[in-house]
Amino acid sequence: MVKTIRNWKFLLGYLIAHLLLYFTFDHTNVFWYILTGSSFFLISYSIMNEEVDDKIPVGQYLLYGILSGLLLYGLFWLGNAIINGLNLSYFENQVQSLYKHFSPDLIWHYIVLVLVIIPAEEFFWRGFIQKRFLANTNFWTSILASAILYASVYIFSGYPILIVAALISGIVWGILYAWKRSLPLVVMSHLTFDLMIFLFLPLI
């Protein structure tokens, strides 16, 4: 792991991700514009520095991606139901505020979410960050380390529940990537999850 962390391309990429997400969350009035630009930069950085992994047939990554995305959504639905059932108003308010400030509500938001933002997150955090951990650490270390780094950029959102959500989803997508080494698989899983949570069955 030390070898990975000391690599200058790894450190530079991680630093850039933090700077970009800081500016993104610091300008909520133009959130979607900055997030789109940030995503273009991160996906370009990852593609320039790592080959794109696509180790399984289309049918498999569609099946595993959709199923895992639905299961992850089910986990979040259950967590939200527990929060509501226990009347944990602090977390209820955080979920409602997240939807209010960051949920896509225009057609172009959904277009860039599907075509740019979701692929960029997976290409960078799994296809670049986790892939570098996989080269120098074991299966589980790569998953946990990359998920923690993925969650760390969400400190700038100001929502602890979003950091926890990123950590959980980062672990799930990290397992999928380490298991099958397919970026289309994790992109499909992420896409399924986001469409469920934002479009088909929002949690509020």
N, C-alpha and C. Protein backbone atom coordinates (compact mmCIF):
# COMPACT_ATOMS: atom_id res chain seq x y z
N MET A 1 0.83 -1.21 0.00
CA MET A 1 0.00 0.00 0.00
C MET A 1 0.87 1.27 0.00
N VAL A 2 1.96 1.24 0.74
CA VAL A 2 2.84 2.41 0.82
C VAL A 2 3.36 2.78 -0.56
N LYS A 3 3.69 1.78 -1.37
CA LYS A 3 4.19 2.03 -2.71
C LYS A 3 3.15 2.76 -3.55
N THR A 4 1.89 2.37 -3.40
CA THR A 4 0.81 3.01 -4.14
C THR A 4 0.66 4.46 -3.73
N ILE A 5 0.60 4.70 -2.42
CA ILE A 5 0.37 6.05 -1.90
C ILE A 5 1.50 7.01 -2.27
N ARG A 6 2.72 6.48 -2.38
CA ARG A 6 3.87 7.33 -2.70
C ARG A 6 3.96 7.67 -4.18
N ASN A 7 3.17 7.00 -5.02
CA ASN A 7 3.23 7.26 -6.46
C ASN A 7 2.68 8.65 -6.76
N TRP A 8 3.43 9.45 -7.51
CA TRP A 8 3.05 10.85 -7.71
C TRP A 8 1.77 11.00 -8.52
N LYS A 9 1.54 10.11 -9.49
CA LYS A 9 0.31 10.19 -10.27
C LYS A 9 -0.91 9.87 -9.41
N PHE A 10 -0.74 8.91 -8.52
CA PHE A 10 -1.81 8.56 -7.58
C PHE A 10 -2.12 9.75 -6.67
N LEU A 11 -1.09 10.32 -6.06
CA LEU A 11 -1.26 11.45 -5.15
C LEU A 11 -1.84 12.66 -5.86
N LEU A 12 -1.35 12.93 -7.06
CA LEU A 12 -1.85 14.08 -7.82
C LEU A 12 -3.33 13.90 -8.16
N GLY A 13 -3.69 12.70 -8.61
CA GLY A 13 -5.08 12.43 -8.95
C GLY A 13 -6.00 12.59 -7.76
N TYR A 14 -5.57 12.06 -6.62
CA TYR A 14 -6.38 12.15 -5.40
C TYR A 14 -6.51 13.59 -4.94
N LEU A 15 -5.43 14.35 -5.01
CA LEU A 15 -5.46 15.77 -4.64
C LEU A 15 -6.39 16.55 -5.58
N ILE A 16 -6.30 16.28 -6.86
CA ILE A 16 -7.17 16.96 -7.83
C ILE A 16 -8.64 16.65 -7.55
N ALA A 17 -8.93 15.38 -7.24
CA ALA A 17 -10.32 14.99 -6.93
C ALA A 17 -10.84 15.78 -5.73
N HIS A 18 -10.01 15.95 -4.72
CA HIS A 18 -10.42 16.72 -3.53
C HIS A 18 -10.66 18.18 -3.89
N LEU A 19 -9.79 18.76 -4.66
CA LEU A 19 -9.96 20.16 -5.04
C LEU A 19 -11.22 20.36 -5.88
N LEU A 20 -11.45 19.46 -6.82
CA LEU A 20 -12.63 19.57 -7.68
C LEU A 20 -13.92 19.42 -6.89
N LEU A 21 -13.96 18.44 -5.98
CA LEU A 21 -15.18 18.24 -5.19
C LEU A 21 -15.38 19.37 -4.18
N TYR A 22 -14.29 19.94 -3.70
CA TYR A 22 -14.41 21.10 -2.81
C TYR A 22 -15.11 22.24 -3.54
N PHE A 23 -14.64 22.57 -4.75
CA PHE A 23 -15.26 23.66 -5.50
C PHE A 23 -16.68 23.31 -5.92
N THR A 24 -16.93 22.04 -6.20
CA THR A 24 -18.28 21.62 -6.61
C THR A 24 -19.28 21.86 -5.49
N PHE A 25 -18.97 21.40 -4.29
CA PHE A 25 -19.90 21.54 -3.17
C PHE A 25 -19.91 22.96 -2.60
N ASP A 26 -18.88 23.73 -2.90
CA ASP A 26 -18.81 25.10 -2.40
C ASP A 26 -19.63 26.06 -3.24
N HIS A 27 -20.09 25.61 -4.40
CA HIS A 27 -20.89 26.45 -5.30
C HIS A 27 -22.18 25.72 -5.67
N THR A 28 -23.06 25.60 -4.69
CA THR A 28 -24.28 24.81 -4.90
C THR A 28 -25.20 25.42 -5.95
N ASN A 29 -25.10 26.72 -6.18
CA ASN A 29 -25.97 27.36 -7.17
C ASN A 29 -25.63 26.94 -8.60
N VAL A 30 -24.40 26.49 -8.81
CA VAL A 30 -24.00 25.98 -10.14
C VAL A 30 -23.44 24.56 -9.99
N PHE A 31 -23.97 23.82 -9.04
CA PHE A 31 -23.46 22.49 -8.69
C PHE A 31 -23.32 21.58 -9.90
N TRP A 32 -24.37 21.49 -10.71
CA TRP A 32 -24.35 20.53 -11.82
C TRP A 32 -23.37 20.92 -12.91
N TYR A 33 -23.16 22.21 -13.10
CA TYR A 33 -22.18 22.66 -14.10
C TYR A 33 -20.77 22.28 -13.67
N ILE A 34 -20.44 22.58 -12.42
CA ILE A 34 -19.08 22.29 -11.94
C ILE A 34 -18.85 20.78 -11.83
N LEU A 35 -19.87 20.05 -11.36
CA LEU A 35 -19.73 18.59 -11.26
C LEU A 35 -19.50 17.96 -12.62
N THR A 36 -20.18 18.46 -13.64
CA THR A 36 -19.98 17.93 -15.00
C THR A 36 -18.56 18.19 -15.48
N GLY A 37 -18.08 19.41 -15.30
CA GLY A 37 -16.71 19.73 -15.70
C GLY A 37 -15.68 18.93 -14.92
N SER A 38 -15.91 18.78 -13.61
CA SER A 38 -15.00 17.99 -12.78
C SER A 38 -14.95 16.54 -13.24
N SER A 39 -16.11 16.02 -13.61
CA SER A 39 -16.18 14.63 -14.06
C SER A 39 -15.43 14.42 -15.36
N PHE A 40 -15.54 15.36 -16.29
CA PHE A 40 -14.77 15.28 -17.53
C PHE A 40 -13.28 15.21 -17.23
N PHE A 41 -12.83 16.02 -16.29
CA PHE A 41 -11.40 16.04 -15.95
C PHE A 41 -10.98 14.71 -15.34
N LEU A 42 -11.75 14.19 -14.40
CA LEU A 42 -11.37 12.95 -13.70
C LEU A 42 -11.36 11.75 -14.63
N ILE A 43 -12.35 11.67 -15.53
CA ILE A 43 -12.37 10.52 -16.44
C ILE A 43 -11.19 10.63 -17.42
N SER A 44 -10.84 11.84 -17.82
CA SER A 44 -9.69 12.02 -18.72
C SER A 44 -8.40 11.62 -18.02
N TYR A 45 -8.26 12.02 -16.75
CA TYR A 45 -7.06 11.70 -15.99
C TYR A 45 -6.91 10.20 -15.82
N SER A 46 -8.00 9.51 -15.53
CA SER A 46 -7.92 8.06 -15.32
C SER A 46 -7.59 7.33 -16.62
N ILE A 47 -8.20 7.74 -17.73
CA ILE A 47 -7.95 7.08 -19.01
C ILE A 47 -6.52 7.31 -19.47
N MET A 48 -5.97 8.48 -19.19
CA MET A 48 -4.58 8.78 -19.59
C MET A 48 -3.57 7.95 -18.79
N ASN A 49 -3.96 7.52 -17.60
CA ASN A 49 -3.00 6.86 -16.72
C ASN A 49 -3.23 5.37 -16.49
N GLU A 50 -4.40 4.85 -16.89
CA GLU A 50 -4.67 3.42 -16.73
C GLU A 50 -5.47 2.89 -17.91
N GLU A 51 -5.22 1.64 -18.26
CA GLU A 51 -6.04 1.00 -19.29
C GLU A 51 -7.42 0.70 -18.74
N VAL A 52 -8.41 0.70 -19.62
CA VAL A 52 -9.79 0.44 -19.21
C VAL A 52 -10.00 -1.07 -19.12
N ASP A 53 -10.41 -1.54 -17.95
CA ASP A 53 -10.67 -2.97 -17.75
C ASP A 53 -12.07 -3.33 -18.22
N ASP A 54 -12.14 -4.37 -19.04
CA ASP A 54 -13.44 -4.87 -19.51
C ASP A 54 -13.29 -6.37 -19.70
N LYS A 55 -13.37 -7.11 -18.58
CA LYS A 55 -12.97 -8.52 -18.57
C LYS A 55 -14.11 -9.51 -18.80
N ILE A 56 -15.36 -9.05 -18.85
CA ILE A 56 -16.47 -9.99 -18.95
C ILE A 56 -17.39 -9.63 -20.12
N PRO A 57 -18.17 -10.61 -20.62
CA PRO A 57 -19.10 -10.36 -21.73
C PRO A 57 -20.20 -9.38 -21.34
N VAL A 58 -20.82 -8.79 -22.36
CA VAL A 58 -21.86 -7.78 -22.15
C VAL A 58 -23.00 -8.33 -21.29
N GLY A 59 -23.45 -9.53 -21.58
CA GLY A 59 -24.57 -10.12 -20.84
C GLY A 59 -24.28 -10.22 -19.35
N GLN A 60 -23.05 -10.59 -19.01
CA GLN A 60 -22.69 -10.73 -17.59
C GLN A 60 -22.66 -9.39 -16.88
N TYR A 61 -22.04 -8.38 -17.50
CA TYR A 61 -21.96 -7.11 -16.77
C TYR A 61 -23.32 -6.43 -16.68
N LEU A 62 -24.19 -6.68 -17.66
CA LEU A 62 -25.55 -6.16 -17.54
C LEU A 62 -26.30 -6.84 -16.40
N LEU A 63 -26.20 -8.17 -16.33
CA LEU A 63 -26.89 -8.92 -15.29
C LEU A 63 -26.37 -8.57 -13.91
N TYR A 64 -25.06 -8.72 -13.71
CA TYR A 64 -24.47 -8.44 -12.41
C TYR A 64 -24.62 -6.96 -12.03
N GLY A 65 -24.51 -6.09 -13.01
CA GLY A 65 -24.62 -4.66 -12.75
C GLY A 65 -26.01 -4.26 -12.29
N ILE A 66 -27.03 -4.73 -13.00
CA ILE A 66 -28.41 -4.39 -12.64
C ILE A 66 -28.78 -5.00 -11.30
N LEU A 67 -28.45 -6.27 -11.10
CA LEU A 67 -28.79 -6.93 -9.83
C LEU A 67 -28.10 -6.27 -8.64
N SER A 68 -26.81 -5.98 -8.78
CA SER A 68 -26.07 -5.37 -7.66
C SER A 68 -26.57 -3.96 -7.39
N GLY A 69 -26.94 -3.22 -8.45
CA GLY A 69 -27.48 -1.88 -8.27
C GLY A 69 -28.81 -1.92 -7.53
N LEU A 70 -29.65 -2.89 -7.86
CA LEU A 70 -30.94 -3.05 -7.17
C LEU A 70 -30.74 -3.46 -5.72
N LEU A 71 -29.79 -4.36 -5.47
CA LEU A 71 -29.51 -4.79 -4.10
C LEU A 71 -28.98 -3.63 -3.26
N LEU A 72 -28.11 -2.82 -3.85
CA LEU A 72 -27.58 -1.67 -3.12
C LEU A 72 -28.70 -0.68 -2.81
N TYR A 73 -29.57 -0.46 -3.79
CA TYR A 73 -30.72 0.41 -3.54
C TYR A 73 -31.57 -0.16 -2.40
N GLY A 74 -31.79 -1.48 -2.40
CA GLY A 74 -32.56 -2.12 -1.34
C GLY A 74 -31.93 -1.90 0.02
N LEU A 75 -30.61 -1.94 0.09
CA LEU A 75 -29.90 -1.69 1.34
C LEU A 75 -30.13 -0.26 1.82
N PHE A 76 -30.07 0.70 0.90
CA PHE A 76 -30.31 2.09 1.26
C PHE A 76 -31.78 2.31 1.64
N TRP A 77 -32.69 1.65 0.94
CA TRP A 77 -34.12 1.76 1.28
C TRP A 77 -34.36 1.25 2.69
N LEU A 78 -33.72 0.12 3.04
CA LEU A 78 -33.86 -0.44 4.39
C LEU A 78 -33.29 0.52 5.43
N GLY A 79 -32.13 1.08 5.15
CA GLY A 79 -31.53 2.04 6.08
C GLY A 79 -32.42 3.26 6.27
N ASN A 80 -33.01 3.74 5.18
CA ASN A 80 -33.90 4.90 5.28
C ASN A 80 -35.16 4.55 6.06
N ALA A 81 -35.66 3.33 5.87
CA ALA A 81 -36.85 2.89 6.61
C ALA A 81 -36.56 2.82 8.11
N ILE A 82 -35.36 2.37 8.47
CA ILE A 82 -34.97 2.31 9.89
C ILE A 82 -34.88 3.71 10.48
N ILE A 83 -34.29 4.63 9.70
CA ILE A 83 -34.19 6.03 10.15
C ILE A 83 -35.58 6.61 10.40
N ASN A 84 -36.49 6.37 9.46
CA ASN A 84 -37.85 6.89 9.62
C ASN A 84 -38.60 6.19 10.75
N GLY A 85 -38.39 4.87 10.87
CA GLY A 85 -39.07 4.11 11.90
C GLY A 85 -38.64 4.49 13.30
N LEU A 86 -37.37 4.83 13.45
CA LEU A 86 -36.85 5.24 14.76
C LEU A 86 -37.00 6.74 14.99
N ASN A 87 -37.56 7.41 13.97
CA ASN A 87 -37.80 8.86 14.06
C ASN A 87 -36.51 9.63 14.35
N LEU A 88 -35.47 9.27 13.61
CA LEU A 88 -34.18 9.95 13.77
C LEU A 88 -34.20 11.22 12.91
N SER A 89 -34.72 12.29 13.47
CA SER A 89 -34.99 13.51 12.71
C SER A 89 -33.73 14.12 12.09
N TYR A 90 -32.58 14.00 12.78
CA TYR A 90 -31.34 14.57 12.24
C TYR A 90 -31.01 13.96 10.88
N PHE A 91 -31.09 12.63 10.79
CA PHE A 91 -30.78 11.96 9.53
C PHE A 91 -31.89 12.12 8.51
N GLU A 92 -33.15 12.16 8.97
CA GLU A 92 -34.26 12.42 8.06
C GLU A 92 -34.09 13.77 7.38
N ASN A 93 -33.72 14.77 8.15
CA ASN A 93 -33.51 16.11 7.59
C ASN A 93 -32.35 16.15 6.61
N GLN A 94 -31.31 15.36 6.90
CA GLN A 94 -30.16 15.31 5.99
C GLN A 94 -30.56 14.70 4.64
N VAL A 95 -31.32 13.62 4.68
CA VAL A 95 -31.77 12.97 3.44
C VAL A 95 -32.63 13.94 2.63
N GLN A 96 -33.57 14.61 3.28
CA GLN A 96 -34.44 15.56 2.59
C GLN A 96 -33.64 16.72 2.01
N SER A 97 -32.67 17.21 2.76
CA SER A 97 -31.85 18.32 2.29
C SER A 97 -30.98 17.92 1.10
N LEU A 98 -30.46 16.70 1.13
CA LEU A 98 -29.66 16.21 0.01
C LEU A 98 -30.47 16.17 -1.27
N TYR A 99 -31.68 15.65 -1.18
CA TYR A 99 -32.55 15.61 -2.35
C TYR A 99 -32.87 17.02 -2.85
N LYS A 100 -33.11 17.92 -1.92
CA LYS A 100 -33.47 19.30 -2.28
C LYS A 100 -32.34 20.01 -3.01
N HIS A 101 -31.11 19.84 -2.55
CA HIS A 101 -30.00 20.61 -3.08
C HIS A 101 -29.23 19.93 -4.22
N PHE A 102 -29.21 18.60 -4.25
CA PHE A 102 -28.32 17.92 -5.19
C PHE A 102 -29.00 16.93 -6.14
N SER A 103 -30.29 16.70 -5.97
CA SER A 103 -30.97 15.76 -6.85
C SER A 103 -31.13 16.36 -8.25
N PRO A 104 -30.94 15.56 -9.30
CA PRO A 104 -31.17 16.08 -10.66
C PRO A 104 -32.64 16.42 -10.86
N ASP A 105 -32.91 17.57 -11.48
CA ASP A 105 -34.31 17.94 -11.72
C ASP A 105 -34.56 18.48 -13.12
N LEU A 106 -33.52 18.54 -13.94
CA LEU A 106 -33.67 18.94 -15.33
C LEU A 106 -33.21 17.80 -16.24
N ILE A 107 -33.70 17.80 -17.47
CA ILE A 107 -33.35 16.73 -18.41
C ILE A 107 -31.85 16.63 -18.60
N TRP A 108 -31.19 17.78 -18.74
CA TRP A 108 -29.75 17.73 -19.00
C TRP A 108 -28.98 17.20 -17.80
N HIS A 109 -29.52 17.35 -16.57
CA HIS A 109 -28.90 16.78 -15.40
C HIS A 109 -28.82 15.26 -15.53
N TYR A 110 -29.93 14.66 -15.94
CA TYR A 110 -29.97 13.20 -16.09
C TYR A 110 -29.06 12.73 -17.23
N ILE A 111 -28.98 13.53 -18.29
CA ILE A 111 -28.13 13.15 -19.43
C ILE A 111 -26.67 13.11 -19.01
N VAL A 112 -26.20 14.17 -18.32
CA VAL A 112 -24.78 14.19 -17.91
C VAL A 112 -24.54 13.19 -16.78
N LEU A 113 -25.56 12.93 -15.94
CA LEU A 113 -25.41 11.93 -14.89
C LEU A 113 -25.10 10.57 -15.50
N VAL A 114 -25.87 10.20 -16.53
CA VAL A 114 -25.73 8.89 -17.16
C VAL A 114 -24.48 8.80 -18.03
N LEU A 115 -24.23 9.84 -18.81
CA LEU A 115 -23.16 9.77 -19.81
C LEU A 115 -21.79 10.23 -19.32
N VAL A 116 -21.75 11.05 -18.27
CA VAL A 116 -20.47 11.63 -17.83
C VAL A 116 -20.16 11.33 -16.37
N ILE A 117 -21.06 11.72 -15.47
CA ILE A 117 -20.73 11.71 -14.04
C ILE A 117 -20.55 10.30 -13.50
N ILE A 118 -21.51 9.40 -13.77
CA ILE A 118 -21.39 8.02 -13.27
C ILE A 118 -20.16 7.32 -13.85
N PRO A 119 -19.96 7.34 -15.19
CA PRO A 119 -18.74 6.72 -15.71
C PRO A 119 -17.47 7.33 -15.13
N ALA A 120 -17.45 8.65 -14.95
CA ALA A 120 -16.25 9.31 -14.43
C ALA A 120 -15.92 8.82 -13.03
N GLU A 121 -16.93 8.71 -12.16
CA GLU A 121 -16.68 8.24 -10.80
C GLU A 121 -16.10 6.83 -10.80
N GLU A 122 -16.65 5.97 -11.63
CA GLU A 122 -16.16 4.58 -11.64
C GLU A 122 -14.80 4.46 -12.31
N PHE A 123 -14.60 5.17 -13.40
CA PHE A 123 -13.30 5.12 -14.07
C PHE A 123 -12.21 5.64 -13.15
N PHE A 124 -12.50 6.71 -12.39
CA PHE A 124 -11.46 7.27 -11.53
C PHE A 124 -11.29 6.47 -10.24
N TRP A 125 -12.38 6.26 -9.48
CA TRP A 125 -12.25 5.65 -8.15
C TRP A 125 -12.01 4.15 -8.19
N ARG A 126 -12.57 3.46 -9.16
CA ARG A 126 -12.30 2.03 -9.28
C ARG A 126 -11.21 1.77 -10.33
N GLY A 127 -11.34 2.37 -11.51
CA GLY A 127 -10.42 2.08 -12.60
C GLY A 127 -9.04 2.71 -12.47
N PHE A 128 -8.92 3.71 -11.60
CA PHE A 128 -7.60 4.33 -11.37
C PHE A 128 -7.15 4.12 -9.93
N ILE A 129 -7.90 4.63 -8.96
CA ILE A 129 -7.50 4.54 -7.55
C ILE A 129 -7.44 3.09 -7.07
N GLN A 130 -8.54 2.35 -7.19
CA GLN A 130 -8.55 0.97 -6.69
C GLN A 130 -7.62 0.07 -7.49
N LYS A 131 -7.53 0.30 -8.79
CA LYS A 131 -6.65 -0.52 -9.61
C LYS A 131 -5.20 -0.40 -9.14
N ARG A 132 -4.81 0.76 -8.72
CA ARG A 132 -3.44 0.96 -8.22
C ARG A 132 -3.24 0.25 -6.88
N PHE A 133 -4.28 0.24 -6.04
CA PHE A 133 -4.19 -0.52 -4.80
C PHE A 133 -4.12 -2.02 -5.10
N LEU A 134 -4.89 -2.49 -6.07
CA LEU A 134 -4.91 -3.91 -6.41
C LEU A 134 -3.54 -4.40 -6.88
N ALA A 135 -2.77 -3.50 -7.48
CA ALA A 135 -1.46 -3.89 -7.99
C ALA A 135 -0.45 -4.13 -6.86
N ASN A 136 -0.73 -3.58 -5.67
CA ASN A 136 0.25 -3.66 -4.58
C ASN A 136 -0.31 -4.18 -3.26
N THR A 137 -1.62 -4.46 -3.21
CA THR A 137 -2.23 -4.96 -1.98
C THR A 137 -3.14 -6.14 -2.29
N ASN A 138 -3.79 -6.67 -1.26
CA ASN A 138 -4.71 -7.79 -1.49
C ASN A 138 -6.12 -7.31 -1.80
N PHE A 139 -6.99 -8.25 -2.05
CA PHE A 139 -8.38 -8.02 -2.48
C PHE A 139 -9.10 -7.06 -1.54
N TRP A 140 -9.16 -7.39 -0.24
CA TRP A 140 -9.95 -6.62 0.70
C TRP A 140 -9.31 -5.28 1.06
N THR A 141 -8.00 -5.25 1.11
CA THR A 141 -7.33 -3.98 1.40
C THR A 141 -7.60 -2.96 0.29
N SER A 142 -7.56 -3.43 -0.94
CA SER A 142 -7.83 -2.53 -2.07
C SER A 142 -9.25 -1.99 -2.01
N ILE A 143 -10.20 -2.82 -1.61
CA ILE A 143 -11.60 -2.41 -1.53
C ILE A 143 -11.80 -1.37 -0.44
N LEU A 144 -11.31 -1.67 0.76
CA LEU A 144 -11.51 -0.77 1.90
C LEU A 144 -10.76 0.55 1.71
N ALA A 145 -9.52 0.47 1.23
CA ALA A 145 -8.72 1.69 1.07
C ALA A 145 -9.34 2.60 0.02
N SER A 146 -9.74 2.05 -1.11
CA SER A 146 -10.32 2.89 -2.16
C SER A 146 -11.69 3.43 -1.75
N ALA A 147 -12.48 2.64 -1.01
CA ALA A 147 -13.79 3.12 -0.55
C ALA A 147 -13.64 4.28 0.44
N ILE A 148 -12.64 4.19 1.32
CA ILE A 148 -12.40 5.27 2.28
C ILE A 148 -11.97 6.55 1.55
N LEU A 149 -11.11 6.41 0.57
CA LEU A 149 -10.68 7.59 -0.20
C LEU A 149 -11.84 8.17 -0.99
N TYR A 150 -12.68 7.29 -1.56
CA TYR A 150 -13.87 7.73 -2.29
C TYR A 150 -14.80 8.52 -1.38
N ALA A 151 -15.03 8.01 -0.18
CA ALA A 151 -15.93 8.68 0.77
C ALA A 151 -15.33 9.99 1.27
N SER A 152 -14.00 10.07 1.31
CA SER A 152 -13.34 11.23 1.91
C SER A 152 -13.63 12.53 1.16
N VAL A 153 -13.85 12.47 -0.15
CA VAL A 153 -14.10 13.71 -0.89
C VAL A 153 -15.47 14.30 -0.56
N TYR A 154 -16.34 13.50 0.04
CA TYR A 154 -17.68 13.98 0.36
C TYR A 154 -17.73 14.73 1.69
N ILE A 155 -16.59 14.88 2.34
CA ILE A 155 -16.56 15.72 3.54
C ILE A 155 -16.92 17.17 3.19
N PHE A 156 -16.67 17.55 1.94
CA PHE A 156 -16.93 18.92 1.51
C PHE A 156 -18.43 19.19 1.33
N SER A 157 -19.23 18.13 1.29
CA SER A 157 -20.68 18.30 1.15
C SER A 157 -21.31 18.85 2.42
N GLY A 158 -20.68 18.57 3.58
CA GLY A 158 -21.25 18.97 4.85
C GLY A 158 -22.32 18.04 5.37
N TYR A 159 -22.48 16.88 4.73
CA TYR A 159 -23.50 15.91 5.12
C TYR A 159 -22.84 14.60 5.55
N PRO A 160 -22.77 14.33 6.86
CA PRO A 160 -22.18 13.06 7.33
C PRO A 160 -22.86 11.83 6.72
N ILE A 161 -24.17 11.92 6.50
CA ILE A 161 -24.88 10.76 5.96
C ILE A 161 -24.44 10.47 4.53
N LEU A 162 -24.02 11.50 3.79
CA LEU A 162 -23.52 11.29 2.43
C LEU A 162 -22.15 10.62 2.44
N ILE A 163 -21.33 10.94 3.43
CA ILE A 163 -20.03 10.28 3.57
C ILE A 163 -20.22 8.80 3.84
N VAL A 164 -21.15 8.47 4.74
CA VAL A 164 -21.45 7.06 5.06
C VAL A 164 -22.00 6.35 3.83
N ALA A 165 -22.89 7.03 3.10
CA ALA A 165 -23.48 6.44 1.89
C ALA A 165 -22.40 6.15 0.84
N ALA A 166 -21.46 7.08 0.69
CA ALA A 166 -20.37 6.90 -0.27
C ALA A 166 -19.47 5.75 0.15
N LEU A 167 -19.23 5.62 1.45
CA LEU A 167 -18.39 4.52 1.95
C LEU A 167 -19.05 3.17 1.66
N ILE A 168 -20.33 3.05 1.95
CA ILE A 168 -21.04 1.79 1.72
C ILE A 168 -21.08 1.44 0.24
N SER A 169 -21.46 2.40 -0.58
CA SER A 169 -21.53 2.14 -2.02
C SER A 169 -20.14 1.89 -2.59
N GLY A 170 -19.14 2.59 -2.06
CA GLY A 170 -17.76 2.37 -2.52
C GLY A 170 -17.28 0.97 -2.22
N ILE A 171 -17.68 0.42 -1.09
CA ILE A 171 -17.32 -0.96 -0.76
C ILE A 171 -17.99 -1.94 -1.72
N VAL A 172 -19.28 -1.72 -1.98
CA VAL A 172 -20.02 -2.61 -2.90
C VAL A 172 -19.42 -2.56 -4.29
N TRP A 173 -19.21 -1.37 -4.83
CA TRP A 173 -18.64 -1.27 -6.18
C TRP A 173 -17.19 -1.71 -6.20
N GLY A 174 -16.49 -1.53 -5.09
CA GLY A 174 -15.11 -2.01 -5.01
C GLY A 174 -15.04 -3.53 -5.06
N ILE A 175 -15.97 -4.20 -4.39
CA ILE A 175 -16.04 -5.66 -4.42
C ILE A 175 -16.30 -6.14 -5.85
N LEU A 176 -17.25 -5.50 -6.51
CA LEU A 176 -17.58 -5.88 -7.89
C LEU A 176 -16.36 -5.72 -8.80
N TYR A 177 -15.66 -4.59 -8.65
CA TYR A 177 -14.51 -4.35 -9.53
C TYR A 177 -13.37 -5.32 -9.25
N ALA A 178 -13.07 -5.54 -7.97
CA ALA A 178 -11.98 -6.46 -7.63
C ALA A 178 -12.32 -7.89 -8.04
N TRP A 179 -13.61 -8.24 -8.01
CA TRP A 179 -14.06 -9.59 -8.36
C TRP A 179 -14.02 -9.84 -9.86
N LYS A 180 -14.55 -8.91 -10.65
CA LYS A 180 -14.69 -9.14 -12.09
C LYS A 180 -13.76 -8.30 -12.96
N ARG A 181 -13.14 -7.28 -12.39
CA ARG A 181 -12.23 -6.39 -13.12
C ARG A 181 -12.89 -5.87 -14.41
N SER A 182 -14.08 -5.33 -14.25
CA SER A 182 -14.83 -4.80 -15.38
C SER A 182 -15.41 -3.44 -15.03
N LEU A 183 -14.95 -2.40 -15.69
CA LEU A 183 -15.53 -1.07 -15.47
C LEU A 183 -16.96 -0.95 -15.98
N PRO A 184 -17.31 -1.54 -17.13
CA PRO A 184 -18.72 -1.49 -17.53
C PRO A 184 -19.66 -2.10 -16.49
N LEU A 185 -19.20 -3.11 -15.77
CA LEU A 185 -20.02 -3.73 -14.73
C LEU A 185 -20.32 -2.73 -13.61
N VAL A 186 -19.29 -2.06 -13.08
CA VAL A 186 -19.54 -1.13 -11.97
C VAL A 186 -20.28 0.12 -12.45
N VAL A 187 -20.05 0.53 -13.69
CA VAL A 187 -20.81 1.65 -14.25
C VAL A 187 -22.30 1.28 -14.32
N MET A 188 -22.61 0.07 -14.77
CA MET A 188 -24.00 -0.37 -14.85
C MET A 188 -24.64 -0.47 -13.46
N SER A 189 -23.89 -0.96 -12.48
CA SER A 189 -24.39 -1.04 -11.11
C SER A 189 -24.68 0.36 -10.56
N HIS A 190 -23.74 1.28 -10.77
CA HIS A 190 -23.89 2.66 -10.31
C HIS A 190 -25.07 3.33 -11.01
N LEU A 191 -25.20 3.09 -12.30
CA LEU A 191 -26.30 3.67 -13.08
C LEU A 191 -27.65 3.18 -12.56
N THR A 192 -27.76 1.87 -12.34
CA THR A 192 -29.00 1.29 -11.84
C THR A 192 -29.36 1.90 -10.49
N PHE A 193 -28.38 1.97 -9.61
CA PHE A 193 -28.60 2.54 -8.27
C PHE A 193 -29.06 3.99 -8.35
N ASP A 194 -28.37 4.81 -9.14
CA ASP A 194 -28.71 6.23 -9.21
C ASP A 194 -30.09 6.45 -9.82
N LEU A 195 -30.44 5.69 -10.83
CA LEU A 195 -31.76 5.85 -11.44
C LEU A 195 -32.87 5.45 -10.47
N MET A 196 -32.61 4.42 -9.67
CA MET A 196 -33.59 4.01 -8.67
C MET A 196 -33.76 5.09 -7.60
N ILE A 197 -32.64 5.62 -7.12
CA ILE A 197 -32.69 6.52 -5.96
C ILE A 197 -33.09 7.95 -6.34
N PHE A 198 -32.87 8.32 -7.62
CA PHE A 198 -33.23 9.67 -8.04
C PHE A 198 -34.50 9.74 -8.86
N LEU A 199 -34.78 8.70 -9.65
CA LEU A 199 -35.86 8.79 -10.64
C LEU A 199 -37.04 7.86 -10.34
N PHE A 200 -36.77 6.57 -10.20
CA PHE A 200 -37.86 5.60 -10.11
C PHE A 200 -38.48 5.50 -8.72
N LEU A 201 -37.65 5.35 -7.69
CA LEU A 201 -38.15 5.19 -6.32
C LEU A 201 -37.32 6.00 -5.34
N PRO A 202 -37.42 7.34 -5.40
CA PRO A 202 -36.67 8.18 -4.45
C PRO A 202 -37.04 7.83 -3.00
N LEU A 203 -36.14 8.12 -2.09
CA LEU A 203 -36.33 7.75 -0.68
C LEU A 203 -37.17 8.77 0.08
N ILE A 204 -37.61 9.84 -0.57
CA ILE A 204 -38.50 10.81 0.09
C ILE A 204 -39.74 11.03 -0.78
